[in-house]
């Protein structure tokens, strides 16, 4: 497995902390990892992610929004092998539905 993308639409709380923890674990296992989080993240220092951090603008409307297709296109452009949804948000689902079918997608189940 070459490239893993961790994706969340959350801006604070446990999912952000969980995402950062998973990032550290995967990096220690020598995986190539990118983290996609909204640019509105609060109460978390994400500066240590460096070039592995991909901030995106979380749009207010989710129906027929092209920005999520653009995020999916960006993820595909990184030669991603695995997209890991760190939450069960509609945003995550919309991005996941727009990635290339050859990318494996891991979803959390509530």
PDB file of N, CA and C in Angstrom:
ATOM      1  N   UNK A   1       0.847  -1.174   0.000  1.00  0.00           N
ATOM      2  CA  UNK A   1       0.000   0.000   0.000  1.00  0.00           C
ATOM      3  C   UNK A   1       0.888   1.232   0.000  1.00  0.00           C
ATOM      4  N   UNK A   2       0.677   2.103  -0.956  1.00  0.00           N
ATOM      5  CA  UNK A   2       1.543   3.254  -1.116  1.00  0.00           C
ATOM      6  C   UNK A   2       1.035   4.481  -0.375  1.00  0.00           C
ATOM      7  N   UNK A   3      -0.206   4.866  -0.625  1.00  0.00           N
ATOM      8  CA  UNK A   3      -0.702   6.154  -0.132  1.00  0.00           C
ATOM      9  C   UNK A   3      -2.044   5.973   0.572  1.00  0.00           C
ATOM     10  N   UNK A   4      -2.139   6.518   1.786  1.00  0.00           N
ATOM     11  CA  UNK A   4      -3.368   6.489   2.568  1.00  0.00           C
ATOM     12  C   UNK A   4      -3.814   7.919   2.809  1.00  0.00           C
ATOM     13  N   UNK A   5      -5.104   8.178   2.614  1.00  0.00           N
ATOM     14  CA  UNK A   5      -5.687   9.476   2.922  1.00  0.00           C
ATOM     15  C   UNK A   5      -6.677   9.302   4.056  1.00  0.00           C
ATOM     16  N   UNK A   6      -6.480  10.091   5.123  1.00  0.00           N
ATOM     17  CA  UNK A   6      -7.434  10.151   6.229  1.00  0.00           C
ATOM     18  C   UNK A   6      -8.287  11.388   5.980  1.00  0.00           C
ATOM     19  N   UNK A   7      -9.607  11.217   5.969  1.00  0.00           N
ATOM     20  CA  UNK A   7     -10.505  12.327   5.646  1.00  0.00           C
ATOM     21  C   UNK A   7     -11.550  12.507   6.746  1.00  0.00           C
ATOM     22  N   UNK A   8     -11.735  13.749   7.170  1.00  0.00           N
ATOM     23  CA  UNK A   8     -12.802  14.057   8.113  1.00  0.00           C
ATOM     24  C   UNK A   8     -13.423  15.405   7.775  1.00  0.00           C
ATOM     25  N   UNK A   9     -14.685  15.536   8.126  1.00  0.00           N
ATOM     26  CA  UNK A   9     -15.388  16.811   7.981  1.00  0.00           C
ATOM     27  C   UNK A   9     -15.551  17.483   9.343  1.00  0.00           C
ATOM     28  N   UNK A  10     -15.098  16.821  10.407  1.00  0.00           N
ATOM     29  CA  UNK A  10     -15.204  17.403  11.746  1.00  0.00           C
ATOM     30  C   UNK A  10     -14.210  18.539  11.913  1.00  0.00           C
ATOM     31  N   UNK A  11     -14.559  19.489  12.775  1.00  0.00           N
ATOM     32  CA  UNK A  11     -13.681  20.634  13.006  1.00  0.00           C
ATOM     33  C   UNK A  11     -13.130  20.689  14.424  1.00  0.00           C
ATOM     34  N   UNK A  12     -13.627  19.836  15.305  1.00  0.00           N
ATOM     35  CA  UNK A  12     -13.121  19.804  16.678  1.00  0.00           C
ATOM     36  C   UNK A  12     -13.537  18.494  17.335  1.00  0.00           C
ATOM     37  N   UNK A  13     -12.923  18.234  18.473  1.00  0.00           N
ATOM     38  CA  UNK A  13     -13.334  17.084  19.270  1.00  0.00           C
ATOM     39  C   UNK A  13     -12.548  15.811  19.017  1.00  0.00           C
ATOM     40  N   UNK A  14     -13.141  14.712  19.440  1.00  0.00           N
ATOM     41  CA  UNK A  14     -12.492  13.415  19.458  1.00  0.00           C
ATOM     42  C   UNK A  14     -12.083  12.875  18.100  1.00  0.00           C
ATOM     43  N   UNK A  15     -12.885  13.145  17.080  1.00  0.00           N
ATOM     44  CA  UNK A  15     -12.533  12.622  15.756  1.00  0.00           C
ATOM     45  C   UNK A  15     -11.243  13.255  15.241  1.00  0.00           C
ATOM     46  N   UNK A  16     -11.055  14.534  15.500  1.00  0.00           N
ATOM     47  CA  UNK A  16      -9.804  15.184  15.100  1.00  0.00           C
ATOM     48  C   UNK A  16      -8.632  14.537  15.844  1.00  0.00           C
ATOM     49  N   UNK A  17      -8.783  14.352  17.148  1.00  0.00           N
ATOM     50  CA  UNK A  17      -7.708  13.731  17.934  1.00  0.00           C
ATOM     51  C   UNK A  17      -7.450  12.302  17.465  1.00  0.00           C
ATOM     52  N   UNK A  18      -8.510  11.554  17.172  1.00  0.00           N
ATOM     53  CA  UNK A  18      -8.378  10.182  16.660  1.00  0.00           C
ATOM     54  C   UNK A  18      -7.647  10.182  15.317  1.00  0.00           C
ATOM     55  N   UNK A  19      -8.002  11.107  14.443  1.00  0.00           N
ATOM     56  CA  UNK A  19      -7.365  11.212  13.129  1.00  0.00           C
ATOM     57  C   UNK A  19      -5.871  11.478  13.266  1.00  0.00           C
ATOM     58  N   UNK A  20      -5.515  12.410  14.138  1.00  0.00           N
ATOM     59  CA  UNK A  20      -4.103  12.735  14.342  1.00  0.00           C
ATOM     60  C   UNK A  20      -3.337  11.558  14.930  1.00  0.00           C
ATOM     61  N   UNK A  21      -3.988  10.816  15.816  1.00  0.00           N
ATOM     62  CA  UNK A  21      -3.348   9.631  16.405  1.00  0.00           C
ATOM     63  C   UNK A  21      -3.116   8.560  15.336  1.00  0.00           C
ATOM     64  N   UNK A  22      -4.127   8.291  14.528  1.00  0.00           N
ATOM     65  CA  UNK A  22      -3.994   7.294  13.459  1.00  0.00           C
ATOM     66  C   UNK A  22      -2.897   7.711  12.479  1.00  0.00           C
ATOM     67  N   UNK A  23      -2.829   9.003  12.179  1.00  0.00           N
ATOM     68  CA  UNK A  23      -1.769   9.524  11.302  1.00  0.00           C
ATOM     69  C   UNK A  23      -0.392   9.152  11.866  1.00  0.00           C
ATOM     70  N   UNK A  24      -0.182   9.427  13.152  1.00  0.00           N
ATOM     71  CA  UNK A  24       1.120   9.151  13.771  1.00  0.00           C
ATOM     72  C   UNK A  24       1.451   7.661  13.724  1.00  0.00           C
ATOM     73  N   UNK A  25       0.461   6.828  13.998  1.00  0.00           N
ATOM     74  CA  UNK A  25       0.679   5.377  13.975  1.00  0.00           C
ATOM     75  C   UNK A  25       1.065   4.920  12.566  1.00  0.00           C
ATOM     76  N   UNK A  26       0.320   5.379  11.570  1.00  0.00           N
ATOM     77  CA  UNK A  26       0.606   4.974  10.193  1.00  0.00           C
ATOM     78  C   UNK A  26       1.970   5.480   9.726  1.00  0.00           C
ATOM     79  N   UNK A  27       2.320   6.702  10.101  1.00  0.00           N
ATOM     80  CA  UNK A  27       3.636   7.238   9.719  1.00  0.00           C
ATOM     81  C   UNK A  27       4.758   6.421  10.366  1.00  0.00           C
ATOM     82  N   UNK A  28       4.567   6.014  11.625  1.00  0.00           N
ATOM     83  CA  UNK A  28       5.563   5.175  12.300  1.00  0.00           C
ATOM     84  C   UNK A  28       5.704   3.811  11.633  1.00  0.00           C
ATOM     85  N   UNK A  29       4.658   3.395  10.916  1.00  0.00           N
ATOM     86  CA  UNK A  29       4.698   2.131  10.171  1.00  0.00           C
ATOM     87  C   UNK A  29       5.190   2.362   8.738  1.00  0.00           C
ATOM     88  N   UNK A  30       5.698   3.568   8.485  1.00  0.00           N
ATOM     89  CA  UNK A  30       6.280   3.948   7.189  1.00  0.00           C
ATOM     90  C   UNK A  30       5.288   4.021   6.029  1.00  0.00           C
ATOM     91  N   UNK A  31       4.020   4.320   6.347  1.00  0.00           N
ATOM     92  CA  UNK A  31       3.051   4.576   5.288  1.00  0.00           C
ATOM     93  C   UNK A  31       3.144   6.030   4.856  1.00  0.00           C
ATOM     94  N   UNK A  32       2.793   6.296   3.619  1.00  0.00           N
ATOM     95  CA  UNK A  32       2.695   7.641   3.085  1.00  0.00           C
ATOM     96  C   UNK A  32       1.254   8.099   3.337  1.00  0.00           C
ATOM     97  N   UNK A  33       1.065   9.116   4.175  1.00  0.00           N
ATOM     98  CA  UNK A  33      -0.273   9.496   4.636  1.00  0.00           C
ATOM     99  C   UNK A  33      -0.520  10.982   4.416  1.00  0.00           C
ATOM    100  N   UNK A  34      -1.727  11.295   3.936  1.00  0.00           N
ATOM    101  CA  UNK A  34      -2.211  12.672   3.879  1.00  0.00           C
ATOM    102  C   UNK A  34      -3.456  12.771   4.739  1.00  0.00           C
ATOM    103  N   UNK A  35      -3.642  13.932   5.365  1.00  0.00           N
ATOM    104  CA  UNK A  35      -4.813  14.170   6.208  1.00  0.00           C
ATOM    105  C   UNK A  35      -5.601  15.335   5.617  1.00  0.00           C
ATOM    106  N   UNK A  36      -6.853  15.077   5.280  1.00  0.00           N
ATOM    107  CA  UNK A  36      -7.758  16.109   4.778  1.00  0.00           C
ATOM    108  C   UNK A  36      -8.702  16.497   5.907  1.00  0.00           C
ATOM    109  N   UNK A  37      -8.600  17.768   6.320  1.00  0.00           N
ATOM    110  CA  UNK A  37      -9.483  18.292   7.357  1.00  0.00           C
ATOM    111  C   UNK A  37      -9.929  19.691   6.948  1.00  0.00           C
ATOM    112  N   UNK A  38     -11.090  20.123   7.474  1.00  0.00           N
ATOM    113  CA  UNK A  38     -11.567  21.467   7.151  1.00  0.00           C
ATOM    114  C   UNK A  38     -10.611  22.538   7.669  1.00  0.00           C
ATOM    115  N   UNK A  39     -10.574  23.660   6.980  1.00  0.00           N
ATOM    116  CA  UNK A  39      -9.689  24.751   7.404  1.00  0.00           C
ATOM    117  C   UNK A  39     -10.169  25.446   8.671  1.00  0.00           C
ATOM    118  N   UNK A  40     -11.318  25.041   9.187  1.00  0.00           N
ATOM    119  CA  UNK A  40     -11.893  25.642  10.395  1.00  0.00           C
ATOM    120  C   UNK A  40     -11.546  24.879  11.677  1.00  0.00           C
ATOM    121  N   UNK A  41     -10.637  23.931  11.615  1.00  0.00           N
ATOM    122  CA  UNK A  41     -10.309  23.108  12.785  1.00  0.00           C
ATOM    123  C   UNK A  41      -9.866  23.992  13.941  1.00  0.00           C
ATOM    124  N   UNK A  42     -10.449  23.710  15.118  1.00  0.00           N
ATOM    125  CA  UNK A  42     -10.131  24.477  16.325  1.00  0.00           C
ATOM    126  C   UNK A  42      -9.625  23.546  17.415  1.00  0.00           C
ATOM    127  N   UNK A  43      -8.916  24.111  18.354  1.00  0.00           N
ATOM    128  CA  UNK A  43      -8.448  23.404  19.547  1.00  0.00           C
ATOM    129  C   UNK A  43      -7.517  22.232  19.260  1.00  0.00           C
ATOM    130  N   UNK A  44      -6.893  22.218  18.099  1.00  0.00           N
ATOM    131  CA  UNK A  44      -5.942  21.153  17.773  1.00  0.00           C
ATOM    132  C   UNK A  44      -4.780  21.742  16.986  1.00  0.00           C
ATOM    133  N   UNK A  45      -3.576  21.355  17.393  1.00  0.00           N
ATOM    134  CA  UNK A  45      -2.391  21.785  16.657  1.00  0.00           C
ATOM    135  C   UNK A  45      -2.124  20.766  15.566  1.00  0.00           C
ATOM    136  N   UNK A  46      -2.277  21.178  14.326  1.00  0.00           N
ATOM    137  CA  UNK A  46      -2.053  20.281  13.200  1.00  0.00           C
ATOM    138  C   UNK A  46      -0.795  20.659  12.424  1.00  0.00           C
ATOM    139  N   UNK A  47      -0.033  21.610  12.959  1.00  0.00           N
ATOM    140  CA  UNK A  47       1.145  22.101  12.243  1.00  0.00           C
ATOM    141  C   UNK A  47       2.203  21.012  12.030  1.00  0.00           C
ATOM    142  N   UNK A  48       2.257  20.024  12.919  1.00  0.00           N
ATOM    143  CA  UNK A  48       3.258  18.961  12.790  1.00  0.00           C
ATOM    144  C   UNK A  48       3.036  18.093  11.548  1.00  0.00           C
ATOM    145  N   UNK A  49       1.849  18.186  10.920  1.00  0.00           N
ATOM    146  CA  UNK A  49       1.560  17.393   9.732  1.00  0.00           C
ATOM    147  C   UNK A  49       2.346  17.880   8.513  1.00  0.00           C
ATOM    148  N   UNK A  50       2.756  19.143   8.543  1.00  0.00           N
ATOM    149  CA  UNK A  50       3.551  19.691   7.442  1.00  0.00           C
ATOM    150  C   UNK A  50       2.882  19.522   6.094  1.00  0.00           C
ATOM    151  N   UNK A  51       3.630  18.981   5.142  1.00  0.00           N
ATOM    152  CA  UNK A  51       3.116  18.797   3.775  1.00  0.00           C
ATOM    153  C   UNK A  51       2.061  17.699   3.681  1.00  0.00           C
ATOM    154  N   UNK A  52       1.893  16.913   4.728  1.00  0.00           N
ATOM    155  CA  UNK A  52       0.875  15.861   4.724  1.00  0.00           C
ATOM    156  C   UNK A  52      -0.517  16.409   5.033  1.00  0.00           C
ATOM    157  N   UNK A  53      -0.592  17.671   5.418  1.00  0.00           N
ATOM    158  CA  UNK A  53      -1.865  18.313   5.745  1.00  0.00           C
ATOM    159  C   UNK A  53      -2.496  18.910   4.495  1.00  0.00           C
ATOM    160  N   UNK A  54      -3.758  18.586   4.278  1.00  0.00           N
ATOM    161  CA  UNK A  54      -4.529  19.134   3.160  1.00  0.00           C
ATOM    162  C   UNK A  54      -5.790  19.777   3.739  1.00  0.00           C
ATOM    163  N   UNK A  55      -5.782  21.088   3.827  1.00  0.00           N
ATOM    164  CA  UNK A  55      -6.939  21.809   4.340  1.00  0.00           C
ATOM    165  C   UNK A  55      -7.916  22.078   3.199  1.00  0.00           C
ATOM    166  N   UNK A  56      -9.201  21.982   3.502  1.00  0.00           N
ATOM    167  CA  UNK A  56     -10.217  22.312   2.509  1.00  0.00           C
ATOM    168  C   UNK A  56     -11.299  23.161   3.167  1.00  0.00           C
ATOM    169  N   UNK A  57     -11.995  23.915   2.336  1.00  0.00           N
ATOM    170  CA  UNK A  57     -13.081  24.758   2.826  1.00  0.00           C
ATOM    171  C   UNK A  57     -14.346  23.920   2.889  1.00  0.00           C
ATOM    172  N   UNK A  58     -14.908  23.833   4.080  1.00  0.00           N
ATOM    173  CA  UNK A  58     -16.138  23.077   4.273  1.00  0.00           C
ATOM    174  C   UNK A  58     -17.309  23.965   3.858  1.00  0.00           C
ATOM    175  N   UNK A  59     -17.993  23.550   2.825  1.00  0.00           N
ATOM    176  CA  UNK A  59     -19.091  24.332   2.265  1.00  0.00           C
ATOM    177  C   UNK A  59     -20.359  24.183   3.106  1.00  0.00           C
ATOM    178  N   UNK A  60     -21.157  25.220   3.114  1.00  0.00           N
ATOM    179  CA  UNK A  60     -22.414  25.200   3.882  1.00  0.00           C
ATOM    180  C   UNK A  60     -23.471  24.346   3.209  1.00  0.00           C
ATOM    181  N   UNK A  61     -23.548  24.418   1.869  1.00  0.00           N
ATOM    182  CA  UNK A  61     -24.535  23.589   1.174  1.00  0.00           C
ATOM    183  C   UNK A  61     -23.846  22.346   0.629  1.00  0.00           C
ATOM    184  N   UNK A  62     -24.538  21.235   0.738  1.00  0.00           N
ATOM    185  CA  UNK A  62     -23.915  19.972   0.350  1.00  0.00           C
ATOM    186  C   UNK A  62     -24.529  19.359  -0.899  1.00  0.00           C
ATOM    187  N   UNK A  63     -25.661  19.866  -1.321  1.00  0.00           N
ATOM    188  CA  UNK A  63     -26.330  19.296  -2.489  1.00  0.00           C
ATOM    189  C   UNK A  63     -25.682  19.856  -3.751  1.00  0.00           C
ATOM    190  N   UNK A  64     -25.259  18.968  -4.640  1.00  0.00           N
ATOM    191  CA  UNK A  64     -24.657  19.335  -5.922  1.00  0.00           C
ATOM    192  C   UNK A  64     -23.518  20.335  -5.776  1.00  0.00           C
ATOM    193  N   UNK A  65     -22.712  20.168  -4.770  1.00  0.00           N
ATOM    194  CA  UNK A  65     -21.600  21.083  -4.563  1.00  0.00           C
ATOM    195  C   UNK A  65     -20.363  20.536  -5.262  1.00  0.00           C
ATOM    196  N   UNK A  66     -19.794  21.307  -6.152  1.00  0.00           N
ATOM    197  CA  UNK A  66     -18.637  20.867  -6.938  1.00  0.00           C
ATOM    198  C   UNK A  66     -17.355  20.798  -6.112  1.00  0.00           C
ATOM    199  N   UNK A  67     -17.310  21.483  -4.977  1.00  0.00           N
ATOM    200  CA  UNK A  67     -16.071  21.479  -4.203  1.00  0.00           C
ATOM    201  C   UNK A  67     -15.737  20.081  -3.691  1.00  0.00           C
ATOM    202  N   UNK A  68     -16.737  19.263  -3.384  1.00  0.00           N
ATOM    203  CA  UNK A  68     -16.460  17.906  -2.909  1.00  0.00           C
ATOM    204  C   UNK A  68     -15.966  17.021  -4.043  1.00  0.00           C
ATOM    205  N   UNK A  69     -16.426  17.283  -5.260  1.00  0.00           N
ATOM    206  CA  UNK A  69     -15.886  16.572  -6.425  1.00  0.00           C
ATOM    207  C   UNK A  69     -14.430  16.989  -6.646  1.00  0.00           C
ATOM    208  N   UNK A  70     -14.131  18.257  -6.411  1.00  0.00           N
ATOM    209  CA  UNK A  70     -12.750  18.731  -6.549  1.00  0.00           C
ATOM    210  C   UNK A  70     -11.836  18.092  -5.509  1.00  0.00           C
ATOM    211  N   UNK A  71     -12.337  17.932  -4.279  1.00  0.00           N
ATOM    212  CA  UNK A  71     -11.557  17.261  -3.230  1.00  0.00           C
ATOM    213  C   UNK A  71     -11.286  15.818  -3.647  1.00  0.00           C
ATOM    214  N   UNK A  72     -12.321  15.133  -4.131  1.00  0.00           N
ATOM    215  CA  UNK A  72     -12.156  13.749  -4.580  1.00  0.00           C
ATOM    216  C   UNK A  72     -11.147  13.671  -5.722  1.00  0.00           C
ATOM    217  N   UNK A  73     -11.211  14.612  -6.629  1.00  0.00           N
ATOM    218  CA  UNK A  73     -10.255  14.657  -7.751  1.00  0.00           C
ATOM    219  C   UNK A  73      -8.833  14.852  -7.224  1.00  0.00           C
ATOM    220  N   UNK A  74      -8.667  15.721  -6.238  1.00  0.00           N
ATOM    221  CA  UNK A  74      -7.355  15.953  -5.633  1.00  0.00           C
ATOM    222  C   UNK A  74      -6.830  14.676  -4.963  1.00  0.00           C
ATOM    223  N   UNK A  75      -7.705  13.983  -4.263  1.00  0.00           N
ATOM    224  CA  UNK A  75      -7.326  12.723  -3.608  1.00  0.00           C
ATOM    225  C   UNK A  75      -6.870  11.706  -4.656  1.00  0.00           C
ATOM    226  N   UNK A  76      -7.601  11.596  -5.740  1.00  0.00           N
ATOM    227  CA  UNK A  76      -7.232  10.668  -6.818  1.00  0.00           C
ATOM    228  C   UNK A  76      -5.902  11.064  -7.450  1.00  0.00           C
ATOM    229  N   UNK A  77      -5.651  12.351  -7.551  1.00  0.00           N
ATOM    230  CA  UNK A  77      -4.419  12.839  -8.151  1.00  0.00           C
ATOM    231  C   UNK A  77      -3.174  12.529  -7.338  1.00  0.00           C
ATOM    232  N   UNK A  78      -3.352  12.156  -6.084  1.00  0.00           N
ATOM    233  CA  UNK A  78      -2.227  11.802  -5.220  1.00  0.00           C
ATOM    234  C   UNK A  78      -1.904  10.311  -5.297  1.00  0.00           C
ATOM    235  N   UNK A  79      -2.476   9.623  -6.261  1.00  0.00           N
ATOM    236  CA  UNK A  79      -2.278   8.172  -6.412  1.00  0.00           C
ATOM    237  C   UNK A  79      -2.625   7.426  -5.127  1.00  0.00           C
ATOM    238  N   UNK A  80      -3.761   7.782  -4.571  1.00  0.00           N
ATOM    239  CA  UNK A  80      -4.233   7.200  -3.311  1.00  0.00           C
ATOM    240  C   UNK A  80      -4.643   5.746  -3.500  1.00  0.00           C
ATOM    241  N   UNK A  81      -4.224   4.912  -2.559  1.00  0.00           N
ATOM    242  CA  UNK A  81      -4.631   3.513  -2.553  1.00  0.00           C
ATOM    243  C   UNK A  81      -5.800   3.270  -1.602  1.00  0.00           C
ATOM    244  N   UNK A  82      -5.849   4.042  -0.501  1.00  0.00           N
ATOM    245  CA  UNK A  82      -6.871   3.837   0.520  1.00  0.00           C
ATOM    246  C   UNK A  82      -7.372   5.181   1.029  1.00  0.00           C
ATOM    247  N   UNK A  83      -8.677   5.364   1.022  1.00  0.00           N
ATOM    248  CA  UNK A  83      -9.323   6.537   1.605  1.00  0.00           C
ATOM    249  C   UNK A  83     -10.042   6.073   2.866  1.00  0.00           C
ATOM    250  N   UNK A  84      -9.642   6.630   3.995  1.00  0.00           N
ATOM    251  CA  UNK A  84     -10.211   6.234   5.284  1.00  0.00           C
ATOM    252  C   UNK A  84     -11.056   7.385   5.808  1.00  0.00           C
ATOM    253  N   UNK A  85     -12.395   7.171   5.825  1.00  0.00           N
ATOM    254  CA  UNK A  85     -13.313   8.158   6.397  1.00  0.00           C
ATOM    255  C   UNK A  85     -13.212   8.073   7.913  1.00  0.00           C
ATOM    256  N   UNK A  86     -12.846   9.168   8.542  1.00  0.00           N
ATOM    257  CA  UNK A  86     -12.705   9.181   9.990  1.00  0.00           C
ATOM    258  C   UNK A  86     -14.030   9.496  10.688  1.00  0.00           C
ATOM    259  N   UNK A  87     -15.059   9.820   9.916  1.00  0.00           N
ATOM    260  CA  UNK A  87     -16.390  10.105  10.465  1.00  0.00           C
ATOM    261  C   UNK A  87     -17.444   9.592   9.483  1.00  0.00           C
ATOM    262  N   UNK A  88     -18.697   9.692   9.883  1.00  0.00           N
ATOM    263  CA  UNK A  88     -19.808   9.248   9.035  1.00  0.00           C
ATOM    264  C   UNK A  88     -20.602  10.427   8.495  1.00  0.00           C
ATOM    265  N   UNK A  89     -19.942  11.515   8.209  1.00  0.00           N
ATOM    266  CA  UNK A  89     -20.642  12.719   7.762  1.00  0.00           C
ATOM    267  C   UNK A  89     -21.084  12.604   6.306  1.00  0.00           C
ATOM    268  N   UNK A  90     -22.051  13.412   5.941  1.00  0.00           N
ATOM    269  CA  UNK A  90     -22.509  13.479   4.555  1.00  0.00           C
ATOM    270  C   UNK A  90     -21.364  13.943   3.655  1.00  0.00           C
ATOM    271  N   UNK A  91     -20.555  14.850   4.161  1.00  0.00           N
ATOM    272  CA  UNK A  91     -19.412  15.351   3.389  1.00  0.00           C
ATOM    273  C   UNK A  91     -18.478  14.198   3.040  1.00  0.00           C
ATOM    274  N   UNK A  92     -18.161  13.360   4.010  1.00  0.00           N
ATOM    275  CA  UNK A  92     -17.272  12.222   3.760  1.00  0.00           C
ATOM    276  C   UNK A  92     -17.864  11.281   2.719  1.00  0.00           C
ATOM    277  N   UNK A  93     -19.156  11.035   2.833  1.00  0.00           N
ATOM    278  CA  UNK A  93     -19.822  10.148   1.874  1.00  0.00           C
ATOM    279  C   UNK A  93     -19.769  10.750   0.472  1.00  0.00           C
ATOM    280  N   UNK A  94     -20.052  12.047   0.357  1.00  0.00           N
ATOM    281  CA  UNK A  94     -20.032  12.697  -0.959  1.00  0.00           C
ATOM    282  C   UNK A  94     -18.633  12.645  -1.580  1.00  0.00           C
ATOM    283  N   UNK A  95     -17.613  12.859  -0.793  1.00  0.00           N
ATOM    284  CA  UNK A  95     -16.249  12.756  -1.319  1.00  0.00           C
ATOM    285  C   UNK A  95     -15.971  11.313  -1.726  1.00  0.00           C
ATOM    286  N   UNK A  96     -16.332  10.368  -0.872  1.00  0.00           N
ATOM    287  CA  UNK A  96     -16.087   8.961  -1.158  1.00  0.00           C
ATOM    288  C   UNK A  96     -16.778   8.466  -2.416  1.00  0.00           C
ATOM    289  N   UNK A  97     -17.970   8.992  -2.686  1.00  0.00           N
ATOM    290  CA  UNK A  97     -18.704   8.583  -3.884  1.00  0.00           C
ATOM    291  C   UNK A  97     -18.071   9.119  -5.167  1.00  0.00           C
ATOM    292  N   UNK A  98     -17.221  10.116  -5.033  1.00  0.00           N
ATOM    293  CA  UNK A  98     -16.625  10.746  -6.207  1.00  0.00           C
ATOM    294  C   UNK A  98     -15.172  10.350  -6.463  1.00  0.00           C
ATOM    295  N   UNK A  99     -14.607   9.484  -5.622  1.00  0.00           N
ATOM    296  CA  UNK A  99     -13.233   9.037  -5.890  1.00  0.00           C
ATOM    297  C   UNK A  99     -13.261   7.890  -6.893  1.00  0.00           C
ATOM    298  N   UNK A 100     -12.131   7.677  -7.512  1.00  0.00           N
ATOM    299  CA  UNK A 100     -11.971   6.602  -8.488  1.00  0.00           C
ATOM    300  C   UNK A 100     -12.305   5.262  -7.831  1.00  0.00           C
ATOM    301  N   UNK A 101     -12.965   4.408  -8.562  1.00  0.00           N
ATOM    302  CA  UNK A 101     -13.407   3.106  -8.031  1.00  0.00           C
ATOM    303  C   UNK A 101     -12.244   2.188  -7.646  1.00  0.00           C
ATOM    304  N   UNK A 102     -11.038   2.464  -8.154  1.00  0.00           N
ATOM    305  CA  UNK A 102      -9.899   1.609  -7.808  1.00  0.00           C
ATOM    306  C   UNK A 102      -9.336   1.933  -6.418  1.00  0.00           C
ATOM    307  N   UNK A 103      -9.780   3.044  -5.829  1.00  0.00           N
ATOM    308  CA  UNK A 103      -9.350   3.408  -4.476  1.00  0.00           C
ATOM    309  C   UNK A 103     -10.223   2.671  -3.465  1.00  0.00           C
ATOM    310  N   UNK A 104      -9.589   1.961  -2.563  1.00  0.00           N
ATOM    311  CA  UNK A 104     -10.336   1.288  -1.501  1.00  0.00           C
ATOM    312  C   UNK A 104     -10.806   2.335  -0.497  1.00  0.00           C
ATOM    313  N   UNK A 105     -12.025   2.181   0.000  1.00  0.00           N
ATOM    314  CA  UNK A 105     -12.596   3.138   0.941  1.00  0.00           C
ATOM    315  C   UNK A 105     -12.964   2.411   2.231  1.00  0.00           C
ATOM    316  N   UNK A 106     -12.489   2.945   3.354  1.00  0.00           N
ATOM    317  CA  UNK A 106     -12.816   2.406   4.675  1.00  0.00           C
ATOM    318  C   UNK A 106     -13.739   3.418   5.351  1.00  0.00           C
ATOM    319  N   UNK A 107     -14.879   2.917   5.832  1.00  0.00           N
ATOM    320  CA  UNK A 107     -15.863   3.787   6.479  1.00  0.00           C
ATOM    321  C   UNK A 107     -16.075   3.338   7.910  1.00  0.00           C
ATOM    322  N   UNK A 108     -16.254   4.307   8.791  1.00  0.00           N
ATOM    323  CA  UNK A 108     -16.647   3.992  10.157  1.00  0.00           C
ATOM    324  C   UNK A 108     -18.128   3.679  10.187  1.00  0.00           C
ATOM    325  N   UNK A 109     -18.524   2.733  11.001  1.00  0.00           N
ATOM    326  CA  UNK A 109     -19.930   2.363  11.108  1.00  0.00           C
ATOM    327  C   UNK A 109     -20.428   2.719  12.483  1.00  0.00           C
ATOM    328  N   UNK A 110     -21.528   3.429  12.530  1.00  0.00           N
ATOM    329  CA  UNK A 110     -22.121   3.774  13.823  1.00  0.00           C
ATOM    330  C   UNK A 110     -23.188   2.796  14.200  1.00  0.00           C
TER     331      UNK A 110
END
